[in-house]
Amino acid sequence: MKLRFLPVIFSFLFLSMSYGQQTVGVFLNDSLSENGYTLFTVRNNTYLIDNCGFLINSWESEFSPGLSVYLLDNGNLLRTARVPGSFNGGGIGGRFELYNWEGDLLWSYNYANSDYHHHHDIAPMPNGNILLIAWEKISYMEAVTSGRDPNETPTAGVWPDKVVEIEMVGSDDANIVWEWRMWDHLIQDFDSSKENYGVVADHPELLDVNYEAYANTGPGDSGSDWMHCNAIDYHPDLDQIVLSSRHLDEIWIIDHSTTTEEAAGHTGGNSGKGGDILYRYGNPVAYDHGVVIDQKFFGQHDVKWIPEGYPNAGKISVFNNGQGRQGGNYSSIDVIDPPVDAAGNYIYETGVAYGPEELFWTYEADPPESFYSSNISGAHFLPNGSVLVCDGNAPLFFEVDLDGEIHWEYVNPVLNNGSPVTQGSSQQTADVFRATRYPLNYSAFTGKDLTPGDPIENNPFGYDCQIYDGISSTSDLQLAEAGFQLFPNPVSTILNISWEGNEPIELFIHDLLGQVVEQQTVSPESSQLDLSDWANGVYLLNINGLGVKRIIVAK
């Protein structure tokens, strides 16, 4: 299913024409937005805000992010941080910090030395352990012995990724309880006298050690970050891990039920395949199963399973950055439904690329290039079936439903130096790696003081943003059942309203700052609104508490 919609900045543009002064904070929060608390990090600070942009809590670290952050179900904050070391690549981290709700540091640990260095992401596990992504250093000679083309191998060697599971110990230590290395699962058809030689197309469970080598060469270590995994997620029911490799334009699923010894081989675990790739998607050229036009992902980030209990649970979502996409650079949110057999094994037919052939769902702007973040960024699904998107380079967060309707918009108000911007300023605010929305019933919030503070930005507007408690994503259905209709829309002067029944309807009309512009009660005998004096723009019509419709005034 492919959907193309108006750019996410649509309402922002109308707002700018109508008011001209707002540059950051909440631009839209309607009744169909998933009410909850949104978490994001800029520089040394992590923020938790409500749907109106009011600060609920914040945490401060001595370290810059490295890069992800998670609010655990007990209310503690698990944060990655950047520390120097022998590796120097995009997304470098190396440190983990655990804070309580009050901001006290409970535990910290560095996974960084001359041989390995954590980067980008982690995945908290239900057992309290942490899965992390790390580079490991492979020398030039070892890489060539393993079948790398010596002419395309950096003199500093290569940094393939590995996954490590750690257990927190005390206040500053950890136990390593499990490990998987991609370097144990290679194939190459370059040199028959070297290790890992074989037919690449015959082994989709292995990674071609020479694929994309030409794009990552250079002196020193400039091409060493060969795979550049930037996201990890864990599925507790499947006991599987999914990884996103930006440089190879693929996602991979591996088996976590193995021992470390089995993970280094090709047998064992629930799958019986050890640490081999169980499923891969995004770029079949990487395993000689397609041509360039078959590529689906382009520098993607933030791969996730949609959680159990959510609409479309078990499917996989990706922020497809779109850098190098055929037809031009633009971003999309893509959802795939990996095909499995009756036993739950991923279906693979010899010589045919892993399915599905078509995406289950995708969000693109119209025109597509109006939504583009070349790096970072993320997307995750919410309990109401919508998806929260972090356009990291904008930096804009927005919530979009599967029909392409935008229900929440927020522009990060923090500058690159970590200071809040003054509302109305045209200063460029900082990029954001990800934003995560936690629902109101998330156990982390039990017993916590959730009294809203001020917005993060300086000199915020005194607007009256409404939190729509109790109104769910079924409101469109409720309005449809009531026979509610608005026409014409867009409207220039008179807006007609019709519904089934004889009872009056109370209307609250909000601008995109959340301010009530007008309140009226309309009856079947007088069911029109005269908008001839209204400024052009987008307005939200709250109908009898049932839901919200967006109206556009255009003259």
Protein backbone atom coordinates (compact mmCIF):
# COMPACT_ATOMS: atom_id res chain seq x y z
CA MET A 1 0.00 0.00 0.00
CA LYS A 2 1.59 3.27 -1.12
CA LEU A 3 0.35 6.64 0.07
CA ARG A 4 1.52 10.09 -0.97
CA PHE A 5 0.40 13.17 0.88
CA LEU A 6 0.91 16.86 1.37
CA PRO A 7 4.22 17.81 2.98
CA VAL A 8 4.33 17.66 6.75
CA ILE A 9 5.16 21.37 6.79
CA PHE A 10 1.77 22.14 5.22
CA SER A 11 0.15 23.45 8.37
CA PHE A 12 3.37 25.18 9.37
CA LEU A 13 3.28 27.23 6.16
CA PHE A 14 -0.31 28.28 6.70
CA LEU A 15 0.52 29.15 10.27
CA SER A 16 3.41 31.31 9.16
CA MET A 17 1.15 33.20 6.77
CA SER A 18 -1.49 33.69 9.43
CA TYR A 19 0.64 34.60 12.41
CA GLY A 20 4.27 34.87 11.35
CA GLN A 21 5.88 34.66 14.77
CA GLN A 22 6.09 31.03 15.89
CA THR A 23 9.25 29.14 14.92
CA VAL A 24 9.53 26.30 17.48
CA GLY A 25 7.41 24.20 19.80
CA VAL A 26 3.98 22.68 19.19
CA PHE A 27 2.29 23.65 15.93
CA LEU A 28 -0.48 21.07 16.00
CA ASN A 29 -2.11 18.76 18.55
CA ASP A 30 -5.52 17.45 17.62
CA SER A 31 -7.80 14.92 19.26
CA LEU A 32 -6.55 12.03 17.15
CA SER A 33 -2.97 12.34 18.35
CA GLU A 34 -1.76 9.60 20.71
CA ASN A 35 -1.73 11.37 24.05
CA GLY A 36 1.51 10.68 25.90
CA TYR A 37 5.00 11.96 26.64
CA THR A 38 7.73 12.44 24.03
CA LEU A 39 11.42 11.85 24.82
CA PHE A 40 14.38 13.28 22.92
CA THR A 41 17.99 14.34 23.52
CA VAL A 42 19.93 17.39 22.38
CA ARG A 43 23.55 17.75 23.45
CA ASN A 44 23.87 16.95 27.15
CA ASN A 45 20.17 17.22 27.98
CA THR A 46 17.29 14.79 27.60
CA TYR A 47 13.75 16.17 27.61
CA LEU A 48 10.32 14.65 28.26
CA ILE A 49 7.40 16.77 27.04
CA ASP A 50 3.64 16.37 26.88
CA ASN A 51 1.58 16.79 23.72
CA CYS A 52 1.39 20.53 24.27
CA GLY A 53 5.16 20.88 24.48
CA PHE A 54 5.26 21.48 28.23
CA LEU A 55 8.27 20.05 30.04
CA ILE A 56 7.46 17.05 32.25
CA ASN A 57 11.02 16.07 33.19
CA SER A 58 14.62 16.50 32.07
CA TRP A 59 17.98 14.86 32.71
CA GLU A 60 21.44 16.40 32.35
CA SER A 61 24.68 14.53 31.62
CA GLU A 62 28.31 15.56 31.45
CA PHE A 63 28.54 13.86 28.05
CA SER A 64 27.13 14.42 24.57
CA PRO A 65 24.75 11.72 23.32
CA GLY A 66 26.01 8.69 21.55
CA LEU A 67 23.22 8.56 20.28
CA SER A 68 20.05 6.85 21.58
CA VAL A 69 18.09 7.22 24.81
CA TYR A 70 15.33 5.09 26.41
CA LEU A 71 12.90 5.56 29.29
CA LEU A 72 12.70 2.20 31.06
CA ASP A 73 9.47 0.80 32.46
CA ASN A 74 10.60 1.49 36.06
CA GLY A 75 11.04 5.22 35.34
CA ASN A 76 14.83 5.17 35.00
CA LEU A 77 16.52 6.75 31.98
CA LEU A 78 19.05 4.70 30.00
CA ARG A 79 21.25 6.95 27.91
CA THR A 80 24.18 6.44 25.56
CA ALA A 81 27.05 8.93 25.59
CA ARG A 82 30.12 9.84 23.58
CA VAL A 83 33.64 9.19 24.85
CA PRO A 84 36.91 9.52 22.89
CA GLY A 85 38.87 6.48 21.78
CA SER A 86 40.71 4.80 18.92
CA PHE A 87 37.66 4.90 16.62
CA ASN A 88 36.34 8.04 14.97
CA GLY A 89 33.14 7.58 13.00
CA GLY A 90 29.63 8.91 12.73
CA GLY A 91 27.42 8.05 15.68
CA ILE A 92 30.28 7.26 18.02
CA GLY A 93 29.25 6.51 21.59
CA GLY A 94 31.11 4.21 23.96
CA ARG A 95 29.41 4.99 27.26
CA PHE A 96 26.11 4.04 28.94
CA GLU A 97 24.45 5.92 31.79
CA LEU A 98 21.46 5.03 33.97
CA TYR A 99 19.63 7.84 35.79
CA ASN A 100 16.67 7.72 38.12
CA TRP A 101 13.61 9.94 37.59
CA GLU A 102 15.15 12.62 39.80
CA GLY A 103 18.30 12.80 37.65
CA ASP A 104 20.74 10.96 39.91
CA LEU A 105 23.35 8.84 38.12
CA LEU A 106 22.85 5.23 39.25
CA TRP A 107 25.22 3.36 36.92
CA SER A 108 27.69 4.07 34.13
CA TYR A 109 29.95 1.91 32.01
CA ASN A 110 32.30 2.44 29.08
CA TYR A 111 32.51 -0.07 26.26
CA ALA A 112 35.39 1.48 24.36
CA ASN A 113 39.08 0.65 23.94
CA SER A 114 41.61 0.22 21.13
CA ASP A 115 39.87 -2.96 19.88
CA TYR A 116 36.17 -2.04 20.00
CA HIS A 117 33.85 0.93 20.51
CA HIS A 118 30.06 1.13 20.93
CA HIS A 119 28.16 3.42 18.55
CA HIS A 120 24.67 4.69 17.72
CA ASP A 121 22.15 2.50 19.50
CA ILE A 122 21.29 0.03 22.23
CA ALA A 123 18.25 -2.16 22.94
CA PRO A 124 17.06 -2.57 26.54
CA MET A 125 15.88 -6.15 27.17
CA PRO A 126 13.04 -7.43 29.40
CA ASN A 127 15.58 -9.23 31.63
CA GLY A 128 17.29 -5.90 32.42
CA ASN A 129 20.28 -6.51 30.16
CA ILE A 130 21.34 -4.28 27.29
CA LEU A 131 22.12 -5.17 23.69
CA LEU A 132 24.65 -2.84 22.07
CA ILE A 133 26.20 -2.31 18.64
CA ALA A 134 29.98 -1.92 18.49
CA TRP A 135 32.73 -1.62 15.93
CA GLU A 136 35.59 -4.08 16.25
CA LYS A 137 38.96 -3.46 14.66
CA ILE A 138 40.13 -5.87 11.95
CA SER A 139 43.64 -5.20 10.65
CA TYR A 140 44.45 -4.76 6.98
CA MET A 141 46.24 -8.12 6.86
CA GLU A 142 43.41 -9.98 8.59
CA ALA A 143 40.88 -8.42 6.23
CA VAL A 144 42.87 -9.44 3.15
CA THR A 145 43.34 -12.96 4.52
CA SER A 146 39.56 -13.14 4.93
CA GLY A 147 39.06 -12.35 1.25
CA ARG A 148 38.88 -8.57 1.08
CA ASP A 149 40.20 -6.98 -2.08
CA PRO A 150 43.56 -5.52 -0.92
CA ASN A 151 43.24 -2.63 -3.37
CA GLU A 152 39.95 -1.61 -1.82
CA THR A 153 40.82 -2.13 1.83
CA PRO A 154 41.85 0.89 3.93
CA THR A 155 45.36 0.75 5.37
CA ALA A 156 43.82 1.01 8.84
CA GLY A 157 41.75 -2.11 8.21
CA VAL A 158 37.99 -2.37 8.59
CA TRP A 159 35.49 -2.04 11.44
CA PRO A 160 32.76 -4.65 11.09
CA ASP A 161 29.95 -4.53 13.62
CA LYS A 162 29.19 -6.90 16.44
CA VAL A 163 26.36 -7.18 18.96
CA VAL A 164 27.11 -7.58 22.65
CA GLU A 165 24.71 -8.25 25.51
CA ILE A 166 25.79 -6.81 28.84
CA GLU A 167 24.44 -7.12 32.38
CA MET A 168 24.70 -4.09 34.64
CA VAL A 169 26.84 -4.71 37.74
CA GLY A 170 27.14 -2.33 40.69
CA SER A 171 27.49 1.35 39.83
CA ASP A 172 30.22 1.20 37.18
CA ASP A 173 30.72 -2.32 35.86
CA ALA A 174 29.11 -4.88 33.55
CA ASN A 175 29.23 -8.56 32.67
CA ILE A 176 29.34 -9.62 29.03
CA VAL A 177 26.82 -12.46 28.74
CA TRP A 178 26.50 -12.93 24.95
CA GLU A 179 28.21 -11.83 21.74
CA TRP A 180 27.66 -12.07 17.98
CA ARG A 181 30.19 -10.98 15.32
CA MET A 182 29.38 -10.32 11.68
CA TRP A 183 33.01 -11.18 10.91
CA ASP A 184 32.13 -14.83 11.64
CA HIS A 185 29.57 -14.87 8.81
CA LEU A 186 31.31 -13.86 5.59
CA ILE A 187 31.43 -14.99 1.96
CA GLN A 188 33.58 -13.75 -0.93
CA ASP A 189 34.12 -14.59 -4.60
CA PHE A 190 37.21 -12.43 -5.11
CA ASP A 191 40.12 -14.76 -4.28
CA SER A 192 39.84 -18.56 -4.21
CA SER A 193 43.10 -18.81 -2.26
CA LYS A 194 41.68 -16.88 0.70
CA GLU A 195 39.21 -17.67 3.45
CA ASN A 196 35.43 -17.52 2.98
CA TYR A 197 35.59 -18.25 -0.77
CA GLY A 198 32.35 -19.32 -2.42
CA VAL A 199 29.44 -18.26 -4.58
CA VAL A 200 27.84 -15.20 -3.00
CA ALA A 201 24.42 -15.88 -4.51
CA ASP A 202 24.41 -19.37 -2.99
CA HIS A 203 24.82 -18.01 0.54
CA PRO A 204 22.28 -15.27 1.36
CA GLU A 205 22.82 -16.16 5.03
CA LEU A 206 26.34 -14.69 4.79
CA LEU A 207 27.68 -11.20 4.06
CA ASP A 208 29.87 -10.51 1.02
CA VAL A 209 33.04 -9.09 2.56
CA ASN A 210 33.71 -7.06 -0.60
CA TYR A 211 30.27 -5.61 -1.19
CA GLU A 212 30.33 -1.80 -1.29
CA ALA A 213 34.09 -1.80 -0.71
CA TYR A 214 34.49 0.63 -3.59
CA ALA A 215 32.29 3.19 -1.83
CA ASN A 216 34.26 3.05 1.39
CA THR A 217 37.90 3.21 0.41
CA GLY A 218 40.41 5.86 1.29
CA PRO A 219 43.57 6.54 3.24
CA GLY A 220 43.77 5.88 6.95
CA ASP A 221 40.46 4.87 8.50
CA SER A 222 38.15 6.97 6.29
CA GLY A 223 36.64 3.84 4.75
CA SER A 224 36.96 1.51 7.71
CA ASP A 225 33.37 1.92 8.87
CA TRP A 226 32.24 -0.64 6.32
CA MET A 227 28.79 -1.61 7.59
CA HIS A 228 27.79 1.37 9.77
CA CYS A 229 24.97 -0.28 11.70
CA ASN A 230 22.87 2.50 13.21
CA ALA A 231 19.92 0.76 14.88
CA ILE A 232 19.13 -2.38 16.85
CA ASP A 233 15.85 -3.79 18.15
CA TYR A 234 14.96 -6.94 20.08
CA HIS A 235 11.82 -9.08 19.79
CA PRO A 236 11.36 -10.94 23.09
CA ASP A 237 8.79 -13.45 21.81
CA LEU A 238 10.91 -14.45 18.80
CA ASP A 239 14.19 -14.03 20.71
CA GLN A 240 15.57 -12.34 17.60
CA ILE A 241 17.54 -9.17 16.86
CA VAL A 242 17.13 -6.83 13.90
CA LEU A 243 19.95 -4.55 12.74
CA SER A 244 20.08 -1.68 10.24
CA SER A 245 23.21 -1.23 8.10
CA ARG A 246 23.25 2.22 6.53
CA HIS A 247 26.27 1.65 4.29
CA LEU A 248 24.91 -1.60 2.85
CA ASP A 249 21.29 -0.38 2.65
CA GLU A 250 19.99 -3.51 4.37
CA ILE A 251 18.32 -4.75 7.52
CA TRP A 252 19.26 -8.16 8.96
CA ILE A 253 17.57 -10.43 11.47
CA ILE A 254 19.70 -12.78 13.56
CA ASP A 255 18.96 -15.41 16.22
CA HIS A 256 19.59 -14.40 19.82
CA SER A 257 18.64 -17.80 21.29
CA THR A 258 22.14 -19.12 20.53
CA THR A 259 25.05 -19.37 22.89
CA THR A 260 28.04 -17.17 22.09
CA GLU A 261 29.78 -20.22 20.66
CA GLU A 262 26.77 -21.06 18.46
CA ALA A 263 26.52 -17.42 17.38
CA ALA A 264 30.03 -17.73 15.92
CA GLY A 265 28.98 -20.70 13.79
CA HIS A 266 26.23 -21.87 11.46
CA THR A 267 24.20 -24.24 13.64
CA GLY A 268 22.32 -24.02 16.92
CA GLY A 269 19.65 -21.83 18.46
CA ASN A 270 15.92 -21.87 17.78
CA SER A 271 16.57 -21.42 14.07
CA GLY A 272 19.20 -24.14 13.85
CA LYS A 273 21.33 -21.66 11.89
CA GLY A 274 23.62 -20.34 14.60
CA GLY A 275 24.61 -16.73 13.98
CA ASP A 276 23.88 -16.68 10.25
CA ILE A 277 21.50 -14.11 8.80
CA LEU A 278 17.92 -15.41 9.08
CA TYR A 279 16.34 -12.67 6.99
CA ARG A 280 17.56 -9.64 5.06
CA TYR A 281 15.78 -6.91 3.17
CA GLY A 282 16.41 -3.62 1.43
CA ASN A 283 19.15 -4.29 -1.10
CA PRO A 284 19.22 -7.70 -2.84
CA VAL A 285 22.24 -6.60 -4.88
CA ALA A 286 24.28 -7.12 -1.70
CA TYR A 287 23.84 -10.89 -2.03
CA ASP A 288 23.64 -11.12 -5.86
CA HIS A 289 19.88 -11.51 -5.96
CA GLY A 290 18.90 -8.47 -7.95
CA VAL A 291 19.87 -5.31 -9.79
CA VAL A 292 20.01 -1.68 -8.76
CA ILE A 293 16.35 -1.03 -9.51
CA ASP A 294 15.40 -3.70 -6.93
CA GLN A 295 16.90 -1.71 -4.06
CA LYS A 296 14.32 -0.58 -1.47
CA PHE A 297 16.34 1.09 1.32
CA PHE A 298 18.75 3.98 0.97
CA GLY A 299 20.84 4.88 4.04
CA GLN A 300 17.99 3.91 6.38
CA HIS A 301 17.76 4.31 10.18
CA ASP A 302 15.69 3.17 13.16
CA VAL A 303 14.50 -0.33 12.29
CA LYS A 304 11.87 -1.62 14.75
CA TRP A 305 9.29 -4.33 15.16
CA ILE A 306 5.82 -2.91 15.78
CA PRO A 307 5.09 -4.05 19.37
CA GLU A 308 2.59 -6.71 20.36
CA GLY A 309 -0.83 -5.28 21.13
CA TYR A 310 -0.45 -2.48 18.59
CA PRO A 311 -2.18 -2.38 15.20
CA ASN A 312 0.00 -4.24 12.65
CA ALA A 313 2.06 -5.85 15.42
CA GLY A 314 5.01 -7.90 14.22
CA LYS A 315 5.63 -5.91 11.07
CA ILE A 316 8.88 -3.96 10.74
CA SER A 317 9.16 -0.20 10.32
CA VAL A 318 12.13 1.77 8.97
CA PHE A 319 12.98 5.44 8.49
CA ASN A 320 14.17 5.24 4.88
CA ASN A 321 16.40 8.32 4.56
CA GLY A 322 16.50 8.04 0.79
CA GLN A 323 20.03 9.26 0.15
CA GLY A 324 20.98 7.99 -3.32
CA ARG A 325 17.46 6.85 -4.11
CA GLN A 326 16.67 6.34 -7.77
CA GLY A 327 14.69 9.31 -8.97
CA GLY A 328 16.13 11.70 -6.41
CA ASN A 329 16.78 12.06 -2.71
CA TYR A 330 13.72 11.97 -0.46
CA SER A 331 12.76 10.25 2.77
CA SER A 332 9.90 7.87 3.50
CA ILE A 333 8.54 5.79 6.37
CA ASP A 334 8.37 2.19 5.18
CA VAL A 335 6.69 -0.83 6.75
CA ILE A 336 7.36 -4.39 5.63
CA ASP A 337 5.63 -7.65 6.51
CA PRO A 338 8.31 -10.37 6.30
CA PRO A 339 6.84 -13.59 4.87
CA VAL A 340 7.04 -16.61 7.20
CA ASP A 341 5.91 -20.21 6.95
CA ALA A 342 3.60 -22.08 9.32
CA ALA A 343 6.50 -22.70 11.71
CA GLY A 344 7.43 -19.02 11.79
CA ASN A 345 10.58 -19.41 9.66
CA TYR A 346 11.39 -16.67 7.17
CA ILE A 347 10.54 -17.83 3.66
CA TYR A 348 13.39 -17.97 1.18
CA GLU A 349 13.26 -19.44 -2.34
CA THR A 350 16.62 -20.31 -3.87
CA GLY A 351 17.78 -17.58 -6.22
CA VAL A 352 14.91 -15.23 -5.35
CA ALA A 353 15.40 -12.19 -3.13
CA TYR A 354 13.76 -12.19 0.27
CA GLY A 355 10.23 -10.80 0.16
CA PRO A 356 7.99 -8.99 0.29
CA GLU A 357 8.04 -7.61 -3.24
CA GLU A 358 5.95 -4.62 -2.14
CA LEU A 359 5.98 -2.54 1.01
CA PHE A 360 3.02 -3.03 3.36
CA TRP A 361 2.74 0.74 3.83
CA THR A 362 4.78 3.81 3.09
CA TYR A 363 4.52 7.50 3.84
CA GLU A 364 5.93 10.02 1.38
CA ALA A 365 5.38 13.73 1.02
CA ASP A 366 4.00 15.31 -2.14
CA PRO A 367 6.26 16.33 -3.76
CA PRO A 368 8.52 13.63 -2.28
CA GLU A 369 11.62 15.82 -2.05
CA SER A 370 9.85 18.18 0.39
CA PHE A 371 10.48 15.56 3.11
CA TYR A 372 14.16 14.63 3.24
CA SER A 373 16.59 13.98 6.07
CA SER A 374 19.92 12.75 4.74
CA ASN A 375 20.97 11.10 8.00
CA ILE A 376 19.87 10.30 11.58
CA SER A 377 16.03 10.39 12.08
CA GLY A 378 13.53 7.78 13.19
CA ALA A 379 9.96 6.53 13.24
CA HIS A 380 8.05 4.32 15.63
CA PHE A 381 4.46 3.18 15.82
CA LEU A 382 2.05 4.18 18.57
CA PRO A 383 -0.79 2.32 20.30
CA ASN A 384 -3.39 4.13 18.16
CA GLY A 385 -1.80 2.81 14.96
CA SER A 386 -0.21 6.11 13.94
CA VAL A 387 3.53 6.63 13.65
CA LEU A 388 5.69 9.26 15.36
CA VAL A 389 8.32 10.54 12.94
CA CYS A 390 11.52 12.37 13.82
CA ASP A 391 12.71 14.32 10.77
CA GLY A 392 16.13 14.68 12.37
CA ASN A 393 17.62 17.33 10.10
CA ALA A 394 14.56 19.63 10.15
CA PRO A 395 14.38 19.08 13.16
CA LEU A 396 10.65 18.32 13.18
CA PHE A 397 8.63 15.66 14.99
CA PHE A 398 5.21 14.77 13.61
CA GLU A 399 2.56 12.10 14.10
CA VAL A 400 0.91 10.73 10.97
CA ASP A 401 -1.82 8.11 10.67
CA LEU A 402 -2.03 5.42 8.01
CA ASP A 403 -4.33 7.63 5.94
CA GLY A 404 -1.60 10.25 5.78
CA GLU A 405 -3.26 12.74 8.14
CA ILE A 406 -0.95 14.72 10.43
CA HIS A 407 -2.20 14.99 14.03
CA TRP A 408 0.78 16.43 15.93
CA GLU A 409 3.71 18.65 14.96
CA TYR A 410 6.60 19.92 17.06
CA VAL A 411 9.81 21.72 16.12
CA ASN A 412 12.79 21.13 18.41
CA PRO A 413 13.50 24.37 20.31
CA VAL A 414 17.11 23.65 21.38
CA LEU A 415 20.17 25.07 19.64
CA ASN A 416 23.34 23.19 18.70
CA ASN A 417 25.06 24.60 21.78
CA GLY A 418 22.37 23.07 24.01
CA SER A 419 20.62 26.35 24.82
CA PRO A 420 16.89 26.84 24.25
CA VAL A 421 16.03 29.21 21.41
CA THR A 422 13.83 32.25 21.95
CA GLN A 423 10.38 31.77 20.44
CA GLY A 424 10.22 33.63 17.13
CA SER A 425 13.95 33.40 16.49
CA SER A 426 15.11 32.22 13.06
CA GLN A 427 18.19 30.50 14.50
CA GLN A 428 18.69 26.94 13.27
CA THR A 429 18.07 24.47 16.09
CA ALA A 430 19.99 21.24 16.61
CA ASP A 431 19.54 17.98 14.74
CA VAL A 432 17.84 15.21 16.74
CA PHE A 433 18.71 11.52 16.42
CA ARG A 434 15.26 10.24 17.44
CA ALA A 435 12.09 11.09 19.32
CA THR A 436 10.04 8.49 21.20
CA ARG A 437 6.44 8.80 22.44
CA TYR A 438 5.47 6.83 25.55
CA PRO A 439 1.72 6.33 26.19
CA LEU A 440 0.05 7.64 29.32
CA ASN A 441 -0.35 4.16 30.80
CA TYR A 442 3.34 3.30 30.49
CA SER A 443 4.44 1.92 33.86
CA ALA A 444 7.38 4.36 34.07
CA PHE A 445 4.91 7.11 34.97
CA THR A 446 3.26 5.32 37.91
CA GLY A 447 3.65 7.42 41.05
CA LYS A 448 5.66 10.13 39.26
CA ASP A 449 5.02 13.86 39.43
CA LEU A 450 3.80 14.66 35.91
CA THR A 451 2.82 18.26 36.56
CA PRO A 452 3.62 20.19 33.37
CA GLY A 453 6.23 22.91 33.59
CA ASP A 454 6.97 25.58 31.02
CA PRO A 455 7.77 24.89 27.37
CA ILE A 456 11.48 24.37 26.69
CA GLU A 457 11.86 27.46 24.48
CA ASN A 458 12.55 30.91 25.93
CA ASN A 459 9.69 33.44 25.96
CA PRO A 460 7.07 30.84 25.01
CA PHE A 461 3.61 31.77 23.85
CA GLY A 462 0.90 31.75 26.48
CA TYR A 463 -1.30 29.61 24.28
CA ASP A 464 -4.01 27.33 25.59
CA CYS A 465 -3.13 24.00 24.01
CA GLN A 466 -5.69 21.30 24.75
CA ILE A 467 -4.84 17.79 25.93
CA TYR A 468 -7.56 15.55 24.51
CA ASP A 469 -7.99 12.99 27.27
CA GLY A 470 -10.23 10.09 26.43
CA ILE A 471 -10.63 10.85 22.73
CA SER A 472 -9.19 8.01 20.70
CA SER A 473 -8.37 7.28 17.11
CA THR A 474 -11.93 5.98 16.70
CA SER A 475 -13.30 9.54 16.62
CA ASP A 476 -13.50 9.61 12.83
CA LEU A 477 -15.69 6.52 13.04
CA GLN A 478 -17.83 8.16 15.71
CA LEU A 479 -18.30 11.23 13.54
CA ALA A 480 -19.12 9.06 10.54
CA GLU A 481 -21.71 7.14 12.55
CA ALA A 482 -23.28 10.48 13.50
CA GLY A 483 -23.44 11.38 9.78
CA PHE A 484 -21.31 14.48 10.38
CA GLN A 485 -20.21 16.35 7.25
CA LEU A 486 -18.47 19.65 6.44
CA PHE A 487 -18.60 21.30 3.02
CA PRO A 488 -16.99 22.89 1.17
CA ASN A 489 -13.49 22.32 2.53
CA PRO A 490 -11.35 24.34 1.73
CA VAL A 491 -13.86 27.11 2.32
CA SER A 492 -13.82 30.81 1.41
CA THR A 493 -16.94 32.19 3.14
CA ILE A 494 -19.75 29.89 4.31
CA LEU A 495 -19.04 26.49 5.88
CA ASN A 496 -22.04 24.16 5.81
CA ILE A 497 -22.49 21.55 8.55
CA SER A 498 -24.82 18.58 8.51
CA TRP A 499 -25.44 15.64 10.83
CA GLU A 500 -28.07 13.07 11.68
CA GLY A 501 -30.42 13.86 14.53
CA ASN A 502 -32.14 16.92 15.95
CA GLU A 503 -29.86 17.77 18.88
CA PRO A 504 -27.68 20.90 18.79
CA ILE A 505 -23.94 20.47 18.38
CA GLU A 506 -21.31 22.44 20.29
CA LEU A 507 -18.28 23.50 18.28
CA PHE A 508 -14.90 24.69 19.54
CA ILE A 509 -12.67 26.10 16.80
CA HIS A 510 -8.92 26.22 17.51
CA ASP A 511 -6.04 27.72 15.60
CA LEU A 512 -2.84 25.71 15.30
CA LEU A 513 -1.45 27.26 18.48
CA GLY A 514 -4.25 25.59 20.41
CA GLN A 515 -6.09 28.88 21.06
CA VAL A 516 -9.89 28.81 20.92
CA VAL A 517 -10.83 31.14 18.07
CA GLU A 518 -14.56 30.69 18.36
CA GLN A 519 -17.15 28.69 20.28
CA GLN A 520 -20.62 28.14 18.84
CA THR A 521 -23.62 25.93 19.29
CA VAL A 522 -25.28 25.09 15.99
CA SER A 523 -28.68 23.53 15.45
CA PRO A 524 -30.24 21.83 12.43
CA GLU A 525 -32.09 25.07 11.71
CA SER A 526 -28.89 27.16 11.72
CA SER A 527 -26.05 24.92 10.61
CA GLN A 528 -23.69 27.31 8.88
CA LEU A 529 -20.60 29.19 9.93
CA ASP A 530 -19.76 32.52 8.32
CA LEU A 531 -15.97 32.57 7.87
CA SER A 532 -15.80 35.58 5.56
CA ASP A 533 -13.85 37.62 8.13
CA TRP A 534 -11.38 34.86 8.98
CA ALA A 535 -7.75 34.95 7.90
CA ASN A 536 -6.47 32.30 5.50
CA GLY A 537 -5.09 29.31 7.33
CA VAL A 538 -5.74 25.93 8.89
CA TYR A 539 -8.16 25.55 11.81
CA LEU A 540 -9.25 22.61 13.96
CA LEU A 541 -12.96 22.07 14.57
CA ASN A 542 -13.69 20.09 17.77
CA ILE A 543 -17.17 18.63 17.41
CA ASN A 544 -19.17 17.82 20.56
CA GLY A 545 -16.10 16.19 22.10
CA LEU A 546 -16.37 13.38 19.53
CA GLY A 547 -13.37 14.36 17.47
CA VAL A 548 -11.63 16.96 15.40
CA LYS A 549 -11.87 17.92 11.75
CA ARG A 550 -9.36 20.13 9.99
CA ILE A 551 -10.76 23.00 7.93
CA ILE A 552 -8.86 25.21 5.53
CA VAL A 553 -9.84 28.81 4.93
CA ALA A 554 -8.57 29.91 1.51
CA LYS A 555 -9.88 32.99 -0.32
